[in-house]
Amino acid sequence: MSISTPGGGPERRPNVVSTGKKPAAGRPAAGAKTGSGGAKTGSGAKTGSGKPTGTRPGAGGKGRKPIAPVKVSQGRSWGPIALFVAVGVLAVAIIGYGAWATFQGAKPWEDRADAIDGIVNYREKDKDLVAGGNHKTGPITYTVLPPVAGPHNAAWQNCMGDVYPAQIANEHAVHSLEHGTVWITYRPDLPADQVTKLADKVRGKEKLMLSPFEGLDKPISLQAWGYQLKVDNADDGRIDEFIKTLKVNASVEGPTALCSQGITATGTTPRDDAQQMPQG
């Protein structure tokens, strides 16, 4: 509204009286100037400068709530579970084998010997044969070859892990069996690599000896006092089991029976004049 002044003088603009009220949201304050370059509002903020002019949340209007992110299921990771199960199975297997081995080791050696597949127990078949202490001179005829027990020469074959390149006298070898020796024999035509494997099991180990033997019906034959096992090759695991079970255990005279100071010569003829330490 304009008021005319007397005398045609210039118009006066009425003073704007502030009411103290704030303008409604979205409407410019009184006295704001607009122009071609953008309107000035309130405290002089410019519009059209690239800054948003909309209302802010909580400043006269409700803001939009943030959208919660959507969770996508990745599926169960089976790798750690499979590893845990594998470790558990292995642990159970180790514990189980240890318990089984302990149980087996606790069994009497006679039971462990009878459990060896293919072993022949002459202690049950011919108790007179395994009586022991029957010394004789001269050649002796044995019904089991290689012999496993029976009468024998008063001198024993040296059995301190000796590897003999030729056949030895049965009469001396049987005496060594009586002392708790395991005697391993093999056919002379056994391949060299097989002979080497047998020699590695024997060489330098007390209560063991190795020698070739003519006429075997199997490539390899193992003897202990009253026991025999025949196998086809040196890799047969029963060889080690036979040695472990029967060495010393099968002795008639106990673990202190000598293996040293015995006959070291080869040949199938017994030596009746051999000088040794007190014999058993």
Protein backbone atom coordinates (compact mmCIF):
# COMPACT_ATOMS: atom_id res chain seq x y z
CA MET A 1 0.00 0.00 0.00
CA SER A 2 1.35 3.50 -0.83
CA ILE A 3 0.43 6.83 0.75
CA SER A 4 0.41 10.02 -1.31
CA THR A 5 2.03 13.05 0.25
CA PRO A 6 0.70 16.55 -0.12
CA GLY A 7 2.23 18.64 -2.86
CA GLY A 8 2.95 15.75 -5.14
CA GLY A 9 6.20 14.93 -3.39
CA PRO A 10 7.87 11.59 -3.68
CA GLU A 11 6.07 8.58 -2.36
CA ARG A 12 7.12 7.13 0.92
CA ARG A 13 7.17 3.51 1.47
CA PRO A 14 5.58 2.43 4.66
CA ASN A 15 7.79 0.95 7.25
CA VAL A 16 7.60 -2.78 7.51
CA VAL A 17 6.70 -3.83 10.93
CA SER A 18 8.08 -7.18 11.98
CA THR A 19 5.58 -9.35 13.81
CA GLY A 20 8.28 -11.67 15.16
CA LYS A 21 6.74 -14.64 13.37
CA LYS A 22 8.80 -16.91 11.17
CA PRO A 23 7.63 -17.46 7.64
CA ALA A 24 6.01 -20.73 6.81
CA ALA A 25 8.24 -23.47 5.55
CA GLY A 26 8.96 -23.10 1.86
CA ARG A 27 7.99 -19.41 1.67
CA PRO A 28 10.56 -16.55 1.48
CA ALA A 29 10.98 -14.17 4.34
CA ALA A 30 9.61 -10.67 4.05
CA GLY A 31 11.86 -8.25 2.17
CA ALA A 32 13.68 -11.02 0.29
CA LYS A 33 14.78 -9.87 -3.13
CA THR A 34 14.56 -11.96 -6.22
CA GLY A 35 16.42 -11.35 -9.34
CA SER A 36 17.47 -12.92 -12.58
CA GLY A 37 20.59 -14.38 -10.97
CA GLY A 38 18.65 -16.16 -8.20
CA ALA A 39 16.72 -14.99 -5.13
CA LYS A 40 18.18 -13.95 -1.86
CA THR A 41 16.43 -15.35 1.16
CA GLY A 42 16.46 -14.67 4.85
CA SER A 43 20.09 -14.16 5.76
CA GLY A 44 21.27 -13.70 2.19
CA ALA A 45 21.74 -17.34 1.19
CA LYS A 46 21.78 -17.67 -2.57
CA THR A 47 19.75 -20.20 -4.50
CA GLY A 48 20.76 -21.73 -7.75
CA SER A 49 24.34 -22.09 -6.56
CA GLY A 50 24.29 -25.88 -6.69
CA LYS A 51 23.45 -26.32 -3.02
CA PRO A 52 20.17 -28.04 -2.15
CA THR A 53 17.46 -25.72 -0.88
CA GLY A 54 15.03 -28.35 0.27
CA THR A 55 14.13 -28.76 3.86
CA ARG A 56 16.41 -30.72 6.15
CA PRO A 57 15.12 -33.52 8.39
CA GLY A 58 13.88 -32.02 11.62
CA ALA A 59 13.70 -28.44 10.23
CA GLY A 60 9.98 -28.13 9.70
CA GLY A 61 9.46 -31.49 7.88
CA LYS A 62 10.01 -35.18 8.31
CA GLY A 63 13.20 -36.62 6.74
CA ARG A 64 13.35 -39.90 4.85
CA LYS A 65 14.49 -42.86 6.95
CA PRO A 66 17.67 -44.63 5.74
CA ILE A 67 17.07 -47.94 4.01
CA ALA A 68 18.54 -50.90 5.90
CA PRO A 69 21.05 -52.93 3.79
CA VAL A 70 19.84 -56.32 2.61
CA LYS A 71 21.94 -59.21 3.93
CA VAL A 72 22.73 -61.90 1.37
CA SER A 73 23.34 -65.39 2.72
CA GLN A 74 26.76 -66.71 1.67
CA GLY A 75 26.02 -70.34 2.61
CA ARG A 76 27.85 -72.50 5.18
CA SER A 77 31.65 -72.80 4.89
CA TRP A 78 32.38 -76.53 4.87
CA GLY A 79 36.19 -76.29 4.68
CA PRO A 80 36.89 -75.85 8.43
CA ILE A 81 34.23 -78.43 9.29
CA ALA A 82 35.77 -81.03 6.97
CA LEU A 83 39.24 -80.35 8.41
CA PHE A 84 37.97 -80.69 11.97
CA VAL A 85 36.25 -84.00 11.14
CA ALA A 86 39.38 -85.34 9.39
CA VAL A 87 41.60 -84.47 12.37
CA GLY A 88 39.10 -86.09 14.73
CA VAL A 89 38.98 -89.31 12.69
CA LEU A 90 42.79 -89.46 12.54
CA ALA A 91 43.08 -88.94 16.30
CA VAL A 92 40.57 -91.72 16.98
CA ALA A 93 42.44 -94.04 14.61
CA ILE A 94 45.79 -93.36 16.31
CA ILE A 95 44.34 -93.90 19.76
CA GLY A 96 42.58 -97.05 18.60
CA TYR A 97 45.72 -98.49 17.04
CA GLY A 98 47.73 -97.67 20.15
CA ALA A 99 45.19 -99.46 22.32
CA TRP A 100 45.19 -102.45 19.97
CA ALA A 101 49.00 -102.61 19.89
CA THR A 102 49.14 -102.39 23.68
CA PHE A 103 46.63 -105.21 23.96
CA GLN A 104 48.56 -107.33 21.46
CA GLY A 105 51.84 -106.69 23.26
CA ALA A 106 50.29 -107.74 26.55
CA LYS A 107 49.38 -111.17 25.19
CA PRO A 108 51.73 -114.09 26.00
CA TRP A 109 54.39 -114.51 23.32
CA GLU A 110 53.11 -118.02 22.57
CA ASP A 111 49.72 -116.58 21.63
CA ARG A 112 51.35 -113.91 19.48
CA ALA A 113 53.44 -116.58 17.74
CA ASP A 114 50.38 -118.72 16.99
CA ALA A 115 48.69 -115.64 15.51
CA ILE A 116 51.35 -115.31 12.78
CA ASP A 117 49.76 -116.53 9.56
CA GLY A 118 51.44 -119.67 8.19
CA ILE A 119 53.60 -120.45 11.23
CA VAL A 120 54.08 -124.11 12.17
CA ASN A 121 54.22 -124.86 15.89
CA TYR A 122 56.26 -128.03 16.42
CA ARG A 123 56.02 -127.61 20.17
CA GLU A 124 52.45 -128.81 19.87
CA LYS A 125 53.05 -131.31 17.08
CA ASP A 126 56.05 -133.12 18.62
CA LYS A 127 56.77 -132.40 22.28
CA ASP A 128 59.70 -134.87 22.38
CA LEU A 129 61.41 -133.04 19.54
CA VAL A 130 61.60 -129.81 21.54
CA ALA A 131 62.75 -131.27 24.86
CA GLY A 132 66.23 -129.71 24.56
CA GLY A 133 69.61 -130.55 26.12
CA ASN A 134 70.20 -133.61 23.92
CA HIS A 135 73.82 -133.37 22.78
CA LYS A 136 75.23 -135.80 20.25
CA THR A 137 78.35 -136.13 18.15
CA GLY A 138 78.62 -136.71 14.43
CA PRO A 139 76.05 -136.07 11.71
CA ILE A 140 72.39 -136.13 12.77
CA THR A 141 69.40 -136.89 10.55
CA TYR A 142 66.53 -134.44 11.00
CA THR A 143 62.96 -135.09 9.93
CA VAL A 144 62.21 -131.36 9.57
CA LEU A 145 64.40 -129.32 7.25
CA PRO A 146 65.73 -126.84 7.99
CA PRO A 147 65.66 -128.31 11.50
CA VAL A 148 63.79 -126.49 14.27
CA ALA A 149 64.78 -128.55 17.32
CA GLY A 150 66.02 -131.97 18.40
CA PRO A 151 69.41 -133.46 19.23
CA HIS A 152 72.38 -131.29 18.32
CA ASN A 153 76.12 -130.83 18.63
CA ALA A 154 77.57 -129.59 21.91
CA ALA A 155 78.98 -126.56 20.08
CA TRP A 156 76.65 -123.83 18.87
CA GLN A 157 76.97 -121.72 15.74
CA ASN A 158 77.99 -118.13 16.39
CA CYS A 159 74.77 -116.11 16.36
CA MET A 160 75.76 -112.51 16.97
CA GLY A 161 74.09 -111.22 13.81
CA ASP A 162 76.33 -113.38 11.63
CA VAL A 163 75.66 -113.45 7.88
CA TYR A 164 77.14 -116.66 6.46
CA PRO A 165 77.90 -116.83 2.72
CA ALA A 166 77.58 -120.61 2.58
CA GLN A 167 75.56 -123.38 4.24
CA ILE A 168 76.35 -124.21 7.86
CA ALA A 169 76.06 -127.46 9.81
CA ASN A 170 72.54 -128.20 11.07
CA GLU A 171 73.94 -129.70 14.25
CA HIS A 172 75.52 -126.38 15.32
CA ALA A 173 72.61 -124.30 14.09
CA VAL A 174 70.06 -126.23 16.15
CA HIS A 175 72.12 -125.62 19.28
CA SER A 176 71.91 -121.87 18.51
CA LEU A 177 68.12 -122.19 18.26
CA GLU A 178 68.10 -123.72 21.72
CA HIS A 179 69.85 -120.54 22.93
CA GLY A 180 67.02 -118.35 21.60
CA THR A 181 68.33 -117.57 18.10
CA VAL A 182 66.20 -116.97 15.03
CA TRP A 183 67.90 -118.64 12.05
CA ILE A 184 66.93 -117.32 8.63
CA THR A 185 67.71 -119.53 5.63
CA TYR A 186 67.19 -118.93 1.92
CA ARG A 187 67.55 -120.77 -1.37
CA PRO A 188 70.95 -120.20 -3.01
CA ASP A 189 69.20 -118.86 -6.15
CA LEU A 190 67.36 -116.12 -4.24
CA PRO A 191 67.92 -112.78 -6.06
CA ALA A 192 70.79 -110.72 -4.67
CA ASP A 193 68.57 -107.79 -3.69
CA GLN A 194 66.42 -110.16 -1.61
CA VAL A 195 69.48 -111.58 0.12
CA THR A 196 70.63 -108.03 0.89
CA LYS A 197 67.30 -107.20 2.54
CA LEU A 198 67.56 -110.31 4.74
CA ALA A 199 71.16 -109.50 5.61
CA ASP A 200 70.13 -105.99 6.69
CA LYS A 201 67.65 -107.49 9.14
CA VAL A 202 70.30 -109.76 10.66
CA ARG A 203 73.76 -108.23 10.49
CA GLY A 204 75.21 -107.25 13.86
CA LYS A 205 72.10 -108.18 15.88
CA GLU A 206 72.48 -110.69 18.70
CA LYS A 207 70.42 -113.91 18.54
CA LEU A 208 70.10 -113.72 14.75
CA MET A 209 71.96 -115.49 11.92
CA LEU A 210 71.53 -115.94 8.17
CA SER A 211 72.73 -118.62 5.74
CA PRO A 212 71.77 -120.24 2.44
CA PHE A 213 70.16 -123.70 2.53
CA GLU A 214 69.92 -126.22 -0.30
CA GLY A 215 66.60 -127.87 -1.16
CA LEU A 216 64.10 -125.40 0.35
CA ASP A 217 60.55 -125.74 -0.97
CA LYS A 218 60.04 -121.99 -0.42
CA PRO A 219 62.50 -119.16 -1.16
CA ILE A 220 62.92 -118.24 2.53
CA SER A 221 62.50 -120.23 5.74
CA LEU A 222 62.72 -118.92 9.33
CA GLN A 223 63.43 -121.14 12.33
CA ALA A 224 63.20 -120.66 16.09
CA TRP A 225 63.24 -123.44 18.69
CA GLY A 226 60.04 -125.37 17.89
CA TYR A 227 58.72 -122.93 15.25
CA GLN A 228 59.04 -122.48 11.48
CA LEU A 229 57.70 -119.99 8.95
CA LYS A 230 58.21 -120.13 5.16
CA VAL A 231 57.67 -117.09 2.93
CA ASP A 232 58.15 -116.14 -0.71
CA ASN A 233 60.11 -112.88 -0.46
CA ALA A 234 62.12 -110.71 1.89
CA ASP A 235 59.48 -107.97 1.96
CA ASP A 236 56.96 -110.17 3.76
CA GLY A 237 55.98 -108.40 6.99
CA ARG A 238 55.72 -111.72 8.84
CA ILE A 239 59.51 -111.96 8.88
CA ASP A 240 59.80 -109.02 11.27
CA GLU A 241 56.88 -110.32 13.34
CA PHE A 242 58.53 -113.74 13.64
CA ILE A 243 61.82 -112.18 14.77
CA LYS A 244 60.15 -109.81 17.23
CA THR A 245 58.02 -112.52 18.79
CA LEU A 246 60.39 -115.48 18.95
CA LYS A 247 63.93 -114.12 19.29
CA VAL A 248 65.05 -114.92 22.86
CA ASN A 249 61.48 -115.87 23.87
CA ALA A 250 61.76 -119.30 22.26
CA SER A 251 64.97 -120.08 24.14
CA VAL A 252 65.03 -123.27 26.20
CA GLU A 253 67.88 -121.97 28.36
CA GLY A 254 66.75 -118.41 28.99
CA PRO A 255 67.89 -114.99 27.77
CA THR A 256 71.45 -115.31 29.12
CA ALA A 257 72.39 -118.26 26.91
CA LEU A 258 75.47 -117.38 24.88
CA CYS A 259 75.57 -116.60 21.18
CA SER A 260 79.17 -115.43 21.07
CA GLN A 261 82.24 -117.71 21.00
CA GLY A 262 80.44 -120.15 18.73
CA ILE A 263 81.46 -121.89 15.51
CA THR A 264 82.08 -119.35 12.77
CA ALA A 265 83.09 -121.76 10.00
CA THR A 266 80.75 -122.78 7.19
CA GLY A 267 80.20 -126.29 5.85
CA THR A 268 77.66 -129.01 6.57
CA THR A 269 79.93 -131.31 8.58
CA PRO A 270 79.73 -130.78 12.37
CA ARG A 271 82.91 -130.13 14.35
CA ASP A 272 83.07 -132.35 17.38
CA ASP A 273 86.41 -131.04 18.62
CA ALA A 274 85.42 -127.38 18.87
CA GLN A 275 86.58 -125.63 22.03
CA GLN A 276 83.96 -123.27 23.50
CA MET A 277 82.86 -121.69 26.72
CA PRO A 278 80.54 -123.73 28.98
CA GLN A 279 77.67 -124.94 26.82
CA GLY A 280 73.98 -125.36 27.30
